[in-house]
């Protein structure tokens, strides 16, 4: 993965695939400002399913390319 872009270091917002400013807090399903292991796992699986465009349980480079092109 590149750590520098043409204008200098890449900022995290430029290298994320999902548009979440605070992915950890977005995992807080009951909005109590605490993320339990179960909440974090559920959010992680939801994010994975969004990226796994062909539903095969694995992420390939082609899926990243297609996801970014959307």
PDB file of N, CA and C in Angstrom:
ATOM      1  N   UNK A   1       0.843  -1.178   0.000  1.00  0.00           N
ATOM      2  CA  UNK A   1       0.000   0.000   0.000  1.00  0.00           C
ATOM      3  C   UNK A   1       0.888   1.242   0.000  1.00  0.00           C
ATOM      4  N   UNK A   2       0.505   2.214  -0.797  1.00  0.00           N
ATOM      5  CA  UNK A   2       1.273   3.458  -0.840  1.00  0.00           C
ATOM      6  C   UNK A   2       1.020   4.275   0.404  1.00  0.00           C
ATOM      7  N   UNK A   3       2.072   4.904   0.879  1.00  0.00           N
ATOM      8  CA  UNK A   3       1.906   5.795   2.015  1.00  0.00           C
ATOM      9  C   UNK A   3       2.120   7.245   1.635  1.00  0.00           C
ATOM     10  N   UNK A   4       2.517   7.474   0.391  1.00  0.00           N
ATOM     11  CA  UNK A   4       2.689   8.846  -0.090  1.00  0.00           C
ATOM     12  C   UNK A   4       1.950   9.013  -1.402  1.00  0.00           C
ATOM     13  N   UNK A   5       1.314  10.132  -1.540  1.00  0.00           N
ATOM     14  CA  UNK A   5       0.652  10.477  -2.784  1.00  0.00           C
ATOM     15  C   UNK A   5       1.477  11.532  -3.503  1.00  0.00           C
ATOM     16  N   UNK A   6       0.992  12.008  -4.649  1.00  0.00           N
ATOM     17  CA  UNK A   6       1.732  13.013  -5.406  1.00  0.00           C
ATOM     18  C   UNK A   6       1.971  14.306  -4.618  1.00  0.00           C
ATOM     19  N   UNK A   7       1.070  14.627  -3.704  1.00  0.00           N
ATOM     20  CA  UNK A   7       1.196  15.871  -2.938  1.00  0.00           C
ATOM     21  C   UNK A   7       1.751  15.641  -1.533  1.00  0.00           C
ATOM     22  N   UNK A   8       2.257  14.461  -1.223  1.00  0.00           N
ATOM     23  CA  UNK A   8       2.789  14.181   0.108  1.00  0.00           C
ATOM     24  C   UNK A   8       2.085  12.994   0.730  1.00  0.00           C
ATOM     25  N   UNK A   9       2.163  12.858   2.050  1.00  0.00           N
ATOM     26  CA  UNK A   9       1.552  11.710   2.717  1.00  0.00           C
ATOM     27  C   UNK A   9       0.051  11.654   2.478  1.00  0.00           C
ATOM     28  N   UNK A  10      -0.459  10.431   2.315  1.00  0.00           N
ATOM     29  CA  UNK A  10      -1.897  10.259   2.143  1.00  0.00           C
ATOM     30  C   UNK A  10      -2.594  10.450   3.479  1.00  0.00           C
ATOM     31  N   UNK A  11      -3.697  11.114   3.441  1.00  0.00           N
ATOM     32  CA  UNK A  11      -4.508  11.274   4.645  1.00  0.00           C
ATOM     33  C   UNK A  11      -5.435  10.075   4.767  1.00  0.00           C
ATOM     34  N   UNK A  12      -5.796   9.663   5.973  1.00  0.00           N
ATOM     35  CA  UNK A  12      -6.660   8.487   6.132  1.00  0.00           C
ATOM     36  C   UNK A  12      -7.943   8.558   5.313  1.00  0.00           C
ATOM     37  N   UNK A  13      -8.527   9.733   5.182  1.00  0.00           N
ATOM     38  CA  UNK A  13      -9.780   9.862   4.428  1.00  0.00           C
ATOM     39  C   UNK A  13      -9.594   9.475   2.970  1.00  0.00           C
ATOM     40  N   UNK A  14      -8.394   9.567   2.466  1.00  0.00           N
ATOM     41  CA  UNK A  14      -8.154   9.236   1.071  1.00  0.00           C
ATOM     42  C   UNK A  14      -7.929   7.749   0.846  1.00  0.00           C
ATOM     43  N   UNK A  15      -7.691   6.989   1.881  1.00  0.00           N
ATOM     44  CA  UNK A  15      -7.390   5.577   1.695  1.00  0.00           C
ATOM     45  C   UNK A  15      -8.473   4.650   2.246  1.00  0.00           C
ATOM     46  N   UNK A  16      -9.573   5.196   2.714  1.00  0.00           N
ATOM     47  CA  UNK A  16     -10.660   4.349   3.195  1.00  0.00           C
ATOM     48  C   UNK A  16     -11.609   4.038   2.049  1.00  0.00           C
ATOM     49  N   UNK A  17     -12.186   2.854   2.071  1.00  0.00           N
ATOM     50  CA  UNK A  17     -13.135   2.468   1.031  1.00  0.00           C
ATOM     51  C   UNK A  17     -14.569   2.842   1.405  1.00  0.00           C
ATOM     52  N   UNK A  18     -14.855   2.785   2.682  1.00  0.00           N
ATOM     53  CA  UNK A  18     -16.199   3.121   3.144  1.00  0.00           C
ATOM     54  C   UNK A  18     -16.175   4.522   3.730  1.00  0.00           C
ATOM     55  N   UNK A  19     -17.203   5.263   3.493  1.00  0.00           N
ATOM     56  CA  UNK A  19     -17.239   6.656   3.926  1.00  0.00           C
ATOM     57  C   UNK A  19     -17.707   6.744   5.378  1.00  0.00           C
ATOM     58  N   UNK A  20     -16.813   6.381   6.296  1.00  0.00           N
ATOM     59  CA  UNK A  20     -17.112   6.461   7.717  1.00  0.00           C
ATOM     60  C   UNK A  20     -16.032   7.285   8.384  1.00  0.00           C
ATOM     61  N   UNK A  21     -16.419   8.398   8.961  1.00  0.00           N
ATOM     62  CA  UNK A  21     -15.433   9.258   9.615  1.00  0.00           C
ATOM     63  C   UNK A  21     -14.917   8.627  10.898  1.00  0.00           C
ATOM     64  N   UNK A  22     -15.765   7.967  11.634  1.00  0.00           N
ATOM     65  CA  UNK A  22     -15.405   7.332  12.906  1.00  0.00           C
ATOM     66  C   UNK A  22     -15.894   5.888  12.901  1.00  0.00           C
ATOM     67  N   UNK A  23     -15.178   4.991  12.227  1.00  0.00           N
ATOM     68  CA  UNK A  23     -15.677   3.616  12.111  1.00  0.00           C
ATOM     69  C   UNK A  23     -15.852   2.909  13.455  1.00  0.00           C
ATOM     70  N   UNK A  24     -15.018   3.233  14.430  1.00  0.00           N
ATOM     71  CA  UNK A  24     -15.179   2.577  15.729  1.00  0.00           C
ATOM     72  C   UNK A  24     -16.492   3.000  16.380  1.00  0.00           C
ATOM     73  N   UNK A  25     -16.750   4.307  16.418  1.00  0.00           N
ATOM     74  CA  UNK A  25     -18.007   4.777  17.014  1.00  0.00           C
ATOM     75  C   UNK A  25     -19.215   4.356  16.185  1.00  0.00           C
ATOM     76  N   UNK A  26     -19.044   4.213  14.885  1.00  0.00           N
ATOM     77  CA  UNK A  26     -20.147   3.752  14.044  1.00  0.00           C
ATOM     78  C   UNK A  26     -20.519   2.307  14.366  1.00  0.00           C
ATOM     79  N   UNK A  27     -19.633   1.594  15.039  1.00  0.00           N
ATOM     80  CA  UNK A  27     -19.904   0.214  15.449  1.00  0.00           C
ATOM     81  C   UNK A  27     -20.801   0.151  16.681  1.00  0.00           C
ATOM     82  N   UNK A  28     -21.031   1.269  17.334  1.00  0.00           N
ATOM     83  CA  UNK A  28     -21.807   1.330  18.571  1.00  0.00           C
ATOM     84  C   UNK A  28     -23.297   1.224  18.241  1.00  0.00           C
ATOM     85  N   UNK A  29     -23.804   0.008  18.204  1.00  0.00           N
ATOM     86  CA  UNK A  29     -25.174  -0.245  17.752  1.00  0.00           C
ATOM     87  C   UNK A  29     -26.233   0.311  18.696  1.00  0.00           C
ATOM     88  N   UNK A  30     -25.962   0.346  19.993  1.00  0.00           N
ATOM     89  CA  UNK A  30     -26.973   0.833  20.935  1.00  0.00           C
ATOM     90  C   UNK A  30     -26.722   2.277  21.394  1.00  0.00           C
ATOM     91  N   UNK A  31     -25.758   2.934  20.764  1.00  0.00           N
ATOM     92  CA  UNK A  31     -25.469   4.359  20.992  1.00  0.00           C
ATOM     93  C   UNK A  31     -25.180   4.710  22.446  1.00  0.00           C
ATOM     94  N   UNK A  32     -24.514   3.812  23.164  1.00  0.00           N
ATOM     95  CA  UNK A  32     -24.156   4.102  24.550  1.00  0.00           C
ATOM     96  C   UNK A  32     -22.717   4.592  24.682  1.00  0.00           C
ATOM     97  N   UNK A  33     -22.087   4.899  23.544  1.00  0.00           N
ATOM     98  CA  UNK A  33     -20.717   5.423  23.467  1.00  0.00           C
ATOM     99  C   UNK A  33     -19.674   4.385  23.907  1.00  0.00           C
ATOM    100  N   UNK A  34     -20.064   3.116  23.899  1.00  0.00           N
ATOM    101  CA  UNK A  34     -19.144   2.020  24.190  1.00  0.00           C
ATOM    102  C   UNK A  34     -19.351   0.953  23.135  1.00  0.00           C
ATOM    103  N   UNK A  35     -18.268   0.437  22.601  1.00  0.00           N
ATOM    104  CA  UNK A  35     -18.352  -0.593  21.575  1.00  0.00           C
ATOM    105  C   UNK A  35     -17.936  -1.920  22.203  1.00  0.00           C
ATOM    106  N   UNK A  36     -18.883  -2.840  22.248  1.00  0.00           N
ATOM    107  CA  UNK A  36     -18.594  -4.158  22.795  1.00  0.00           C
ATOM    108  C   UNK A  36     -17.932  -5.010  21.716  1.00  0.00           C
ATOM    109  N   UNK A  37     -17.270  -6.085  22.100  1.00  0.00           N
ATOM    110  CA  UNK A  37     -16.708  -6.991  21.088  1.00  0.00           C
ATOM    111  C   UNK A  37     -17.773  -7.493  20.111  1.00  0.00           C
ATOM    112  N   UNK A  38     -18.971  -7.772  20.605  1.00  0.00           N
ATOM    113  CA  UNK A  38     -20.044  -8.250  19.723  1.00  0.00           C
ATOM    114  C   UNK A  38     -20.458  -7.174  18.714  1.00  0.00           C
ATOM    115  N   UNK A  39     -20.568  -5.918  19.169  1.00  0.00           N
ATOM    116  CA  UNK A  39     -20.914  -4.820  18.256  1.00  0.00           C
ATOM    117  C   UNK A  39     -19.821  -4.630  17.199  1.00  0.00           C
ATOM    118  N   UNK A  40     -18.568  -4.689  17.639  1.00  0.00           N
ATOM    119  CA  UNK A  40     -17.465  -4.492  16.710  1.00  0.00           C
ATOM    120  C   UNK A  40     -17.431  -5.612  15.672  1.00  0.00           C
ATOM    121  N   UNK A  41     -17.651  -6.855  16.114  1.00  0.00           N
ATOM    122  CA  UNK A  41     -17.664  -7.982  15.179  1.00  0.00           C
ATOM    123  C   UNK A  41     -18.805  -7.868  14.177  1.00  0.00           C
ATOM    124  N   UNK A  42     -19.993  -7.489  14.654  1.00  0.00           N
ATOM    125  CA  UNK A  42     -21.143  -7.337  13.758  1.00  0.00           C
ATOM    126  C   UNK A  42     -20.891  -6.245  12.723  1.00  0.00           C
ATOM    127  N   UNK A  43     -20.332  -5.121  13.148  1.00  0.00           N
ATOM    128  CA  UNK A  43     -20.034  -4.027  12.216  1.00  0.00           C
ATOM    129  C   UNK A  43     -18.966  -4.453  11.204  1.00  0.00           C
ATOM    130  N   UNK A  44     -17.973  -5.196  11.683  1.00  0.00           N
ATOM    131  CA  UNK A  44     -16.920  -5.674  10.789  1.00  0.00           C
ATOM    132  C   UNK A  44     -17.493  -6.600   9.727  1.00  0.00           C
ATOM    133  N   UNK A  45     -18.367  -7.507  10.130  1.00  0.00           N
ATOM    134  CA  UNK A  45     -18.991  -8.418   9.161  1.00  0.00           C
ATOM    135  C   UNK A  45     -19.867  -7.652   8.169  1.00  0.00           C
ATOM    136  N   UNK A  46     -20.595  -6.642   8.640  1.00  0.00           N
ATOM    137  CA  UNK A  46     -21.407  -5.814   7.732  1.00  0.00           C
ATOM    138  C   UNK A  46     -20.526  -5.117   6.707  1.00  0.00           C
ATOM    139  N   UNK A  47     -19.405  -4.557   7.155  1.00  0.00           N
ATOM    140  CA  UNK A  47     -18.490  -3.870   6.235  1.00  0.00           C
ATOM    141  C   UNK A  47     -17.884  -4.848   5.230  1.00  0.00           C
ATOM    142  N   UNK A  48     -17.526  -6.028   5.714  1.00  0.00           N
ATOM    143  CA  UNK A  48     -16.968  -7.039   4.813  1.00  0.00           C
ATOM    144  C   UNK A  48     -17.977  -7.414   3.731  1.00  0.00           C
ATOM    145  N   UNK A  49     -19.235  -7.606   4.133  1.00  0.00           N
ATOM    146  CA  UNK A  49     -20.268  -7.960   3.148  1.00  0.00           C
ATOM    147  C   UNK A  49     -20.460  -6.858   2.107  1.00  0.00           C
ATOM    148  N   UNK A  50     -20.294  -5.610   2.500  1.00  0.00           N
ATOM    149  CA  UNK A  50     -20.386  -4.515   1.535  1.00  0.00           C
ATOM    150  C   UNK A  50     -19.276  -4.597   0.490  1.00  0.00           C
ATOM    151  N   UNK A  51     -18.093  -5.003   0.925  1.00  0.00           N
ATOM    152  CA  UNK A  51     -16.947  -5.062   0.022  1.00  0.00           C
ATOM    153  C   UNK A  51     -16.893  -6.353  -0.788  1.00  0.00           C
ATOM    154  N   UNK A  52     -17.459  -7.425  -0.281  1.00  0.00           N
ATOM    155  CA  UNK A  52     -17.439  -8.739  -0.950  1.00  0.00           C
ATOM    156  C   UNK A  52     -18.534  -8.771  -2.007  1.00  0.00           C
ATOM    157  N   UNK A  53     -18.287  -8.134  -3.120  1.00  0.00           N
ATOM    158  CA  UNK A  53     -19.314  -7.924  -4.137  1.00  0.00           C
ATOM    159  C   UNK A  53     -19.819  -9.217  -4.760  1.00  0.00           C
ATOM    160  N   UNK A  54     -18.974 -10.245  -4.859  1.00  0.00           N
ATOM    161  CA  UNK A  54     -19.430 -11.497  -5.454  1.00  0.00           C
ATOM    162  C   UNK A  54     -19.889 -12.514  -4.413  1.00  0.00           C
ATOM    163  N   UNK A  55     -19.819 -12.149  -3.130  1.00  0.00           N
ATOM    164  CA  UNK A  55     -20.334 -12.994  -2.067  1.00  0.00           C
ATOM    165  C   UNK A  55     -19.603 -14.305  -1.862  1.00  0.00           C
ATOM    166  N   UNK A  56     -18.331 -14.366  -2.252  1.00  0.00           N
ATOM    167  CA  UNK A  56     -17.593 -15.633  -2.119  1.00  0.00           C
ATOM    168  C   UNK A  56     -16.833 -15.764  -0.800  1.00  0.00           C
ATOM    169  N   UNK A  57     -16.941 -14.780   0.081  1.00  0.00           N
ATOM    170  CA  UNK A  57     -16.268 -14.850   1.365  1.00  0.00           C
ATOM    171  C   UNK A  57     -14.814 -14.445   1.326  1.00  0.00           C
ATOM    172  N   UNK A  58     -14.377 -13.891   0.220  1.00  0.00           N
ATOM    173  CA  UNK A  58     -12.992 -13.424   0.081  1.00  0.00           C
ATOM    174  C   UNK A  58     -13.002 -12.104  -0.683  1.00  0.00           C
ATOM    175  N   UNK A  59     -11.983 -11.288  -0.433  1.00  0.00           N
ATOM    176  CA  UNK A  59     -11.871 -10.011  -1.138  1.00  0.00           C
ATOM    177  C   UNK A  59     -10.717 -10.081  -2.112  1.00  0.00           C
ATOM    178  N   UNK A  60     -11.016  -9.802  -3.355  1.00  0.00           N
ATOM    179  CA  UNK A  60      -9.989  -9.772  -4.387  1.00  0.00           C
ATOM    180  C   UNK A  60      -9.765  -8.365  -4.886  1.00  0.00           C
ATOM    181  N   UNK A  61      -8.671  -8.164  -5.555  1.00  0.00           N
ATOM    182  CA  UNK A  61      -8.328  -6.833  -6.073  1.00  0.00           C
ATOM    183  C   UNK A  61      -9.422  -6.312  -6.999  1.00  0.00           C
ATOM    184  N   UNK A  62     -10.016  -7.196  -7.787  1.00  0.00           N
ATOM    185  CA  UNK A  62     -11.078  -6.767  -8.705  1.00  0.00           C
ATOM    186  C   UNK A  62     -12.286  -6.212  -7.951  1.00  0.00           C
ATOM    187  N   UNK A  63     -12.573  -6.747  -6.768  1.00  0.00           N
ATOM    188  CA  UNK A  63     -13.701  -6.245  -5.985  1.00  0.00           C
ATOM    189  C   UNK A  63     -13.412  -4.836  -5.468  1.00  0.00           C
ATOM    190  N   UNK A  64     -12.189  -4.585  -5.052  1.00  0.00           N
ATOM    191  CA  UNK A  64     -11.820  -3.235  -4.620  1.00  0.00           C
ATOM    192  C   UNK A  64     -11.953  -2.252  -5.778  1.00  0.00           C
ATOM    193  N   UNK A  65     -11.483  -2.667  -6.940  1.00  0.00           N
ATOM    194  CA  UNK A  65     -11.552  -1.794  -8.116  1.00  0.00           C
ATOM    195  C   UNK A  65     -13.004  -1.498  -8.465  1.00  0.00           C
ATOM    196  N   UNK A  66     -13.843  -2.523  -8.467  1.00  0.00           N
ATOM    197  CA  UNK A  66     -15.271  -2.323  -8.789  1.00  0.00           C
ATOM    198  C   UNK A  66     -15.965  -1.492  -7.717  1.00  0.00           C
ATOM    199  N   UNK A  67     -15.618  -1.704  -6.454  1.00  0.00           N
ATOM    200  CA  UNK A  67     -16.245  -0.950  -5.367  1.00  0.00           C
ATOM    201  C   UNK A  67     -15.887   0.530  -5.484  1.00  0.00           C
ATOM    202  N   UNK A  68     -14.639   0.824  -5.752  1.00  0.00           N
ATOM    203  CA  UNK A  68     -14.200   2.215  -5.884  1.00  0.00           C
ATOM    204  C   UNK A  68     -14.863   2.880  -7.085  1.00  0.00           C
ATOM    205  N   UNK A  69     -15.098   2.134  -8.159  1.00  0.00           N
ATOM    206  CA  UNK A  69     -15.681   2.686  -9.369  1.00  0.00           C
ATOM    207  C   UNK A  69     -17.153   3.048  -9.194  1.00  0.00           C
ATOM    208  N   UNK A  70     -17.812   2.529  -8.186  1.00  0.00           N
ATOM    209  CA  UNK A  70     -19.239   2.825  -7.969  1.00  0.00           C
ATOM    210  C   UNK A  70     -19.488   4.276  -7.686  1.00  0.00           C
TER     211      UNK A  70
END
